[in-house]
Amino acid sequence: MTTMNSEGGRPEIEHWVFLRGLSREHAHWGDFIQRCEAELGWQCYCIDLPGFGSEHQRTSPTSIPDVRRDVQQRLPAEIIASKKPFGIVALSLGGMVTLDWLASSPHDIAKAIFISTSSADCGLFKRLKPSAIPATLRALFSLSVRQQESAALGMVSNNNSRHSELLEQWCNIRERRPVRKRNVIYQLIAASRFHSPPADSLINTKCHVISSRADRMVSYQCSEYLASKYHWPLTLHDTAGHDLPIDDADWVIKSLASATQANR
């Protein structure tokens, strides 16, 4: 289901930027990006947040606006050359970067789709459920990379059948592009300080919010709050974890197709 322009050719929004969340990078999307290109007809670009993935040797800023400015400076040449607004699919902390982007440079973005996003004004124990605190501490402070990644995986995914396979992949990602613990802490500081922009600063923005009622890390009520604040549509999954593209990629892709056909 591809959203076409009036001439029936290219998708209405041709270019899409994908932003990941806390301590994650482009490789954690797995084959999800390729599926979006094949099934939705999108031109997709992953931009890693500073301090992670392709940027893992750099220091992460301690504020979301600074992260956003860094990402803006690394927009792909194809998007810059097109001189057209682009779409963003943003997961978790990537959604905070996108909210700030919408408030600062709204004309850059044709449509934003938020997955499992929160902000400081959602409430502390909705942003990080108390039951997720032990896993968070293990993900930060366990002695081995395997223990850290296992804790992170168990926190963000409810699909246990894939955990063995994904754990190997995630450990390999860490071997190729090591994560500095201080960068994770800096991202946590940035996230903890970020409040969603005032509602009147995001008037007329075309966005969609996706979350899961079964998210064991961040309450779906954060997504409900943001959708209500900005009058954006909200789509909820019943059983998936925080990382929806891992747990039910088919459902997410269908949701992306529906979202891009709405509010046109």
Protein backbone atom coordinates (compact mmCIF):
# COMPACT_ATOMS: atom_id res chain seq x y z
CA MET A 1 0.00 0.00 0.00
CA THR A 2 2.05 2.94 -1.30
CA THR A 3 0.85 6.52 -0.98
CA MET A 4 1.04 7.98 -4.50
CA ASN A 5 0.96 11.55 -5.73
CA SER A 6 -1.77 12.89 -8.01
CA GLU A 7 0.05 11.59 -11.08
CA GLY A 8 0.09 8.04 -9.72
CA GLY A 9 3.89 7.86 -9.78
CA ARG A 10 6.12 8.35 -6.80
CA PRO A 11 5.02 8.24 -3.17
CA GLU A 12 3.67 11.60 -1.98
CA ILE A 13 6.56 11.85 0.51
CA GLU A 14 9.57 10.47 -1.29
CA HIS A 15 12.29 10.65 1.36
CA TRP A 16 12.06 9.27 4.90
CA VAL A 17 14.55 9.63 7.76
CA PHE A 18 14.64 6.96 10.49
CA LEU A 19 15.86 7.83 13.99
CA ARG A 20 16.55 5.26 16.71
CA GLY A 21 16.37 5.54 20.50
CA LEU A 22 18.52 5.24 23.61
CA SER A 23 21.94 3.66 22.92
CA ARG A 24 20.71 2.15 19.64
CA GLU A 25 21.91 2.63 16.06
CA HIS A 26 20.90 1.96 12.46
CA ALA A 27 21.80 -1.75 12.59
CA HIS A 28 19.17 -2.33 15.30
CA TRP A 29 16.44 -1.78 12.69
CA GLY A 30 17.39 -5.16 11.19
CA ASP A 31 15.63 -5.61 7.83
CA PHE A 32 12.82 -3.21 8.77
CA ILE A 33 14.19 -0.34 6.65
CA GLN A 34 14.56 -2.56 3.59
CA ARG A 35 10.98 -3.72 4.06
CA CYS A 36 9.73 -0.13 4.19
CA GLU A 37 11.50 0.56 0.91
CA ALA A 38 10.16 -2.59 -0.76
CA GLU A 39 6.60 -2.53 0.63
CA LEU A 40 5.92 1.21 0.93
CA GLY A 41 8.01 2.51 -1.96
CA TRP A 42 9.95 4.90 0.26
CA GLN A 43 13.51 6.19 -0.08
CA CYS A 44 14.81 5.53 3.44
CA TYR A 45 17.81 6.98 5.28
CA CYS A 46 19.02 6.11 8.76
CA ILE A 47 20.80 8.86 10.68
CA ASP A 48 22.56 7.70 13.83
CA LEU A 49 22.40 9.94 16.86
CA PRO A 50 25.74 11.46 17.93
CA GLY A 51 27.77 9.00 20.02
CA PHE A 52 26.29 5.85 18.46
CA GLY A 53 26.53 3.75 15.31
CA SER A 54 28.44 5.61 12.60
CA GLU A 55 29.05 8.36 15.18
CA HIS A 56 30.19 6.06 18.00
CA GLN A 57 33.58 7.73 18.41
CA ARG A 58 31.97 11.09 19.12
CA THR A 59 30.53 12.42 22.38
CA SER A 60 26.76 12.55 22.79
CA PRO A 61 25.31 15.96 23.74
CA THR A 62 23.41 16.30 27.02
CA SER A 63 20.41 18.12 25.54
CA ILE A 64 17.87 17.07 22.92
CA PRO A 65 18.17 20.38 20.98
CA ASP A 66 21.91 19.76 20.60
CA VAL A 67 21.25 16.22 19.38
CA ARG A 68 18.70 17.60 16.92
CA ARG A 69 21.11 20.21 15.56
CA ASP A 70 23.74 17.53 15.07
CA VAL A 71 21.34 15.31 13.14
CA GLN A 72 20.14 18.23 11.01
CA GLN A 73 23.71 18.90 9.92
CA ARG A 74 24.01 15.31 8.65
CA LEU A 75 20.95 15.16 6.43
CA PRO A 76 21.64 13.03 3.34
CA ALA A 77 22.62 14.93 0.20
CA GLU A 78 19.61 13.51 -1.67
CA ILE A 79 17.19 15.12 0.78
CA ILE A 80 18.99 18.46 0.68
CA ALA A 81 19.10 18.41 -3.12
CA SER A 82 15.37 17.64 -3.41
CA LYS A 83 14.47 20.84 -1.49
CA LYS A 84 11.27 19.12 -0.40
CA PRO A 85 9.96 18.33 3.09
CA PHE A 86 10.68 14.78 4.15
CA GLY A 87 9.12 12.25 6.50
CA ILE A 88 10.53 10.99 9.78
CA VAL A 89 9.92 7.70 11.57
CA ALA A 90 11.26 8.11 15.09
CA LEU A 91 11.49 5.54 17.86
CA SER A 92 11.64 6.44 21.56
CA LEU A 93 14.39 9.03 22.16
CA GLY A 94 14.47 9.64 18.41
CA GLY A 95 10.92 10.91 18.83
CA MET A 96 12.10 13.55 21.32
CA VAL A 97 14.60 14.75 18.71
CA THR A 98 11.76 14.92 16.18
CA LEU A 99 9.46 16.85 18.51
CA ASP A 100 12.19 19.43 18.97
CA TRP A 101 12.79 19.48 15.20
CA LEU A 102 9.10 20.14 14.52
CA ALA A 103 9.15 23.04 16.97
CA SER A 104 12.33 24.59 15.57
CA SER A 105 12.11 23.87 11.82
CA PRO A 106 8.57 22.68 11.04
CA HIS A 107 8.86 23.29 7.29
CA ASP A 108 11.57 20.61 7.03
CA ILE A 109 9.13 17.82 7.88
CA ALA A 110 6.14 16.73 5.81
CA LYS A 111 5.06 14.01 8.24
CA ALA A 112 6.39 12.51 11.45
CA ILE A 113 5.49 9.13 12.88
CA PHE A 114 6.36 8.57 16.53
CA ILE A 115 6.86 5.09 17.96
CA SER A 116 6.93 4.59 21.76
CA THR A 117 7.90 8.20 22.47
CA SER A 118 7.75 10.15 25.74
CA SER A 119 8.82 13.44 27.31
CA ALA A 120 9.53 14.72 30.82
CA ASP A 121 6.03 16.18 31.16
CA CYS A 122 4.53 12.68 30.78
CA GLY A 123 5.57 11.82 34.35
CA LEU A 124 8.67 10.05 35.67
CA PHE A 125 7.17 6.62 36.36
CA LYS A 126 5.31 6.58 33.06
CA ARG A 127 8.51 7.34 31.14
CA LEU A 128 10.31 4.49 32.91
CA LYS A 129 8.08 2.00 34.64
CA PRO A 130 9.32 1.04 38.13
CA SER A 131 9.30 -2.62 37.06
CA ALA A 132 11.83 -1.74 34.31
CA ILE A 133 14.36 -0.12 36.64
CA PRO A 134 16.28 -3.35 37.50
CA ALA A 135 16.69 -4.21 33.81
CA THR A 136 17.78 -0.64 33.09
CA LEU A 137 20.49 -0.87 35.73
CA ARG A 138 21.66 -4.24 34.37
CA ALA A 139 21.78 -2.80 30.86
CA LEU A 140 23.97 0.03 32.12
CA PHE A 141 26.21 -1.59 34.68
CA SER A 142 26.51 -5.33 33.96
CA LEU A 143 30.14 -6.33 33.49
CA SER A 144 29.78 -8.04 30.10
CA VAL A 145 28.36 -6.72 26.84
CA ARG A 146 26.26 -9.87 26.52
CA GLN A 147 24.63 -9.26 29.91
CA GLN A 148 23.98 -5.63 29.04
CA GLU A 149 22.41 -6.47 25.69
CA SER A 150 20.37 -9.31 27.16
CA ALA A 151 18.92 -6.94 29.76
CA ALA A 152 18.13 -4.32 27.12
CA LEU A 153 16.50 -6.88 24.84
CA GLY A 154 14.35 -8.30 27.61
CA MET A 155 13.20 -4.80 28.48
CA VAL A 156 12.17 -3.63 24.99
CA SER A 157 10.89 -6.82 23.36
CA ASN A 158 8.03 -9.13 24.35
CA ASN A 159 8.67 -11.59 21.51
CA ASN A 160 10.76 -14.19 23.33
CA SER A 161 10.94 -16.44 20.29
CA ARG A 162 13.38 -14.00 18.63
CA HIS A 163 15.55 -13.17 21.63
CA SER A 164 18.27 -15.75 21.03
CA GLU A 165 18.76 -14.64 17.42
CA LEU A 166 18.60 -10.94 18.25
CA LEU A 167 20.99 -11.21 21.18
CA GLU A 168 23.70 -12.56 18.88
CA GLN A 169 23.06 -9.77 16.40
CA TRP A 170 23.12 -7.07 19.06
CA CYS A 171 26.36 -8.36 20.58
CA ASN A 172 27.93 -8.33 17.11
CA ILE A 173 26.80 -4.74 16.62
CA ARG A 174 28.48 -3.77 19.89
CA GLU A 175 31.70 -5.48 18.80
CA ARG A 176 31.78 -3.55 15.53
CA ARG A 177 30.84 -0.18 17.02
CA PRO A 178 31.43 -0.11 20.79
CA VAL A 179 29.16 1.99 22.98
CA ARG A 180 30.71 4.30 25.56
CA LYS A 181 28.84 4.14 28.85
CA ARG A 182 29.17 7.88 29.34
CA ASN A 183 27.34 8.46 26.03
CA VAL A 184 24.41 6.39 27.28
CA ILE A 185 24.38 8.45 30.48
CA TYR A 186 24.55 11.68 28.46
CA GLN A 187 21.55 10.52 26.41
CA LEU A 188 19.66 9.74 29.60
CA ILE A 189 20.43 13.23 30.88
CA ALA A 190 19.21 14.76 27.61
CA ALA A 191 16.01 12.71 27.70
CA SER A 192 15.34 13.50 31.37
CA ARG A 193 15.53 17.24 30.64
CA PHE A 194 13.34 17.24 27.57
CA HIS A 195 9.80 18.59 27.81
CA SER A 196 7.51 18.38 24.80
CA PRO A 197 7.02 21.72 23.02
CA PRO A 198 3.94 23.86 23.72
CA ALA A 199 0.88 22.69 21.81
CA ASP A 200 0.55 25.96 19.88
CA SER A 201 4.09 25.60 18.51
CA LEU A 202 3.13 22.44 16.63
CA ILE A 203 -0.14 23.64 15.07
CA ASN A 204 -0.85 22.17 11.62
CA THR A 205 1.87 19.53 11.91
CA LYS A 206 1.00 16.21 10.27
CA CYS A 207 1.96 13.45 12.67
CA HIS A 208 0.86 10.05 13.91
CA VAL A 209 1.63 8.28 17.19
CA ILE A 210 2.14 4.52 17.55
CA SER A 211 2.62 2.61 20.79
CA SER A 212 1.79 -0.64 22.58
CA ARG A 213 -0.36 -1.22 25.62
CA ALA A 214 2.04 -4.02 26.60
CA ASP A 215 5.20 -1.86 26.58
CA ARG A 216 7.04 -2.93 29.75
CA MET A 217 9.57 -0.09 29.63
CA VAL A 218 7.57 3.08 28.90
CA SER A 219 3.85 3.38 29.55
CA TYR A 220 1.72 3.75 26.43
CA GLN A 221 0.03 6.56 28.37
CA CYS A 222 2.98 8.75 27.31
CA SER A 223 1.93 8.27 23.70
CA GLU A 224 -1.68 8.91 24.65
CA TYR A 225 -0.60 12.15 26.33
CA LEU A 226 1.34 13.40 23.29
CA ALA A 227 -1.42 12.41 20.85
CA SER A 228 -3.99 14.23 22.99
CA LYS A 229 -1.81 17.32 23.49
CA TYR A 230 -1.24 17.84 19.76
CA HIS A 231 -4.50 16.30 18.47
CA TRP A 232 -2.65 13.61 16.53
CA PRO A 233 -4.04 10.17 15.65
CA LEU A 234 -2.94 7.32 17.91
CA THR A 235 -2.63 3.63 16.99
CA LEU A 236 -2.09 1.06 19.76
CA HIS A 237 -0.81 -2.51 19.62
CA ASP A 238 -2.05 -4.94 22.25
CA THR A 239 0.89 -7.28 22.90
CA ALA A 240 4.19 -5.94 21.49
CA GLY A 241 6.99 -4.43 23.52
CA HIS A 242 8.63 -1.00 23.44
CA ASP A 243 10.53 -1.84 20.24
CA LEU A 244 7.52 -2.40 18.02
CA PRO A 245 9.45 -2.91 14.75
CA ILE A 246 11.22 -5.88 16.39
CA ASP A 247 8.11 -7.47 17.84
CA ASP A 248 5.62 -6.96 15.00
CA ALA A 249 7.14 -5.44 11.88
CA ASP A 250 4.14 -6.46 9.74
CA TRP A 251 1.76 -4.49 11.96
CA VAL A 252 4.05 -1.45 12.07
CA ILE A 253 4.42 -1.35 8.28
CA LYS A 254 0.64 -1.52 7.86
CA SER A 255 0.33 1.28 10.43
CA LEU A 256 2.89 3.39 8.54
CA ALA A 257 0.94 2.88 5.31
CA SER A 258 -2.31 3.94 6.99
CA ALA A 259 -0.65 6.91 8.71
CA THR A 260 0.77 8.27 5.47
CA GLN A 261 -2.66 8.14 3.84
CA ALA A 262 -4.23 10.17 6.66
CA ASN A 263 -4.27 13.97 7.10
CA ARG A 264 -3.08 14.57 3.55
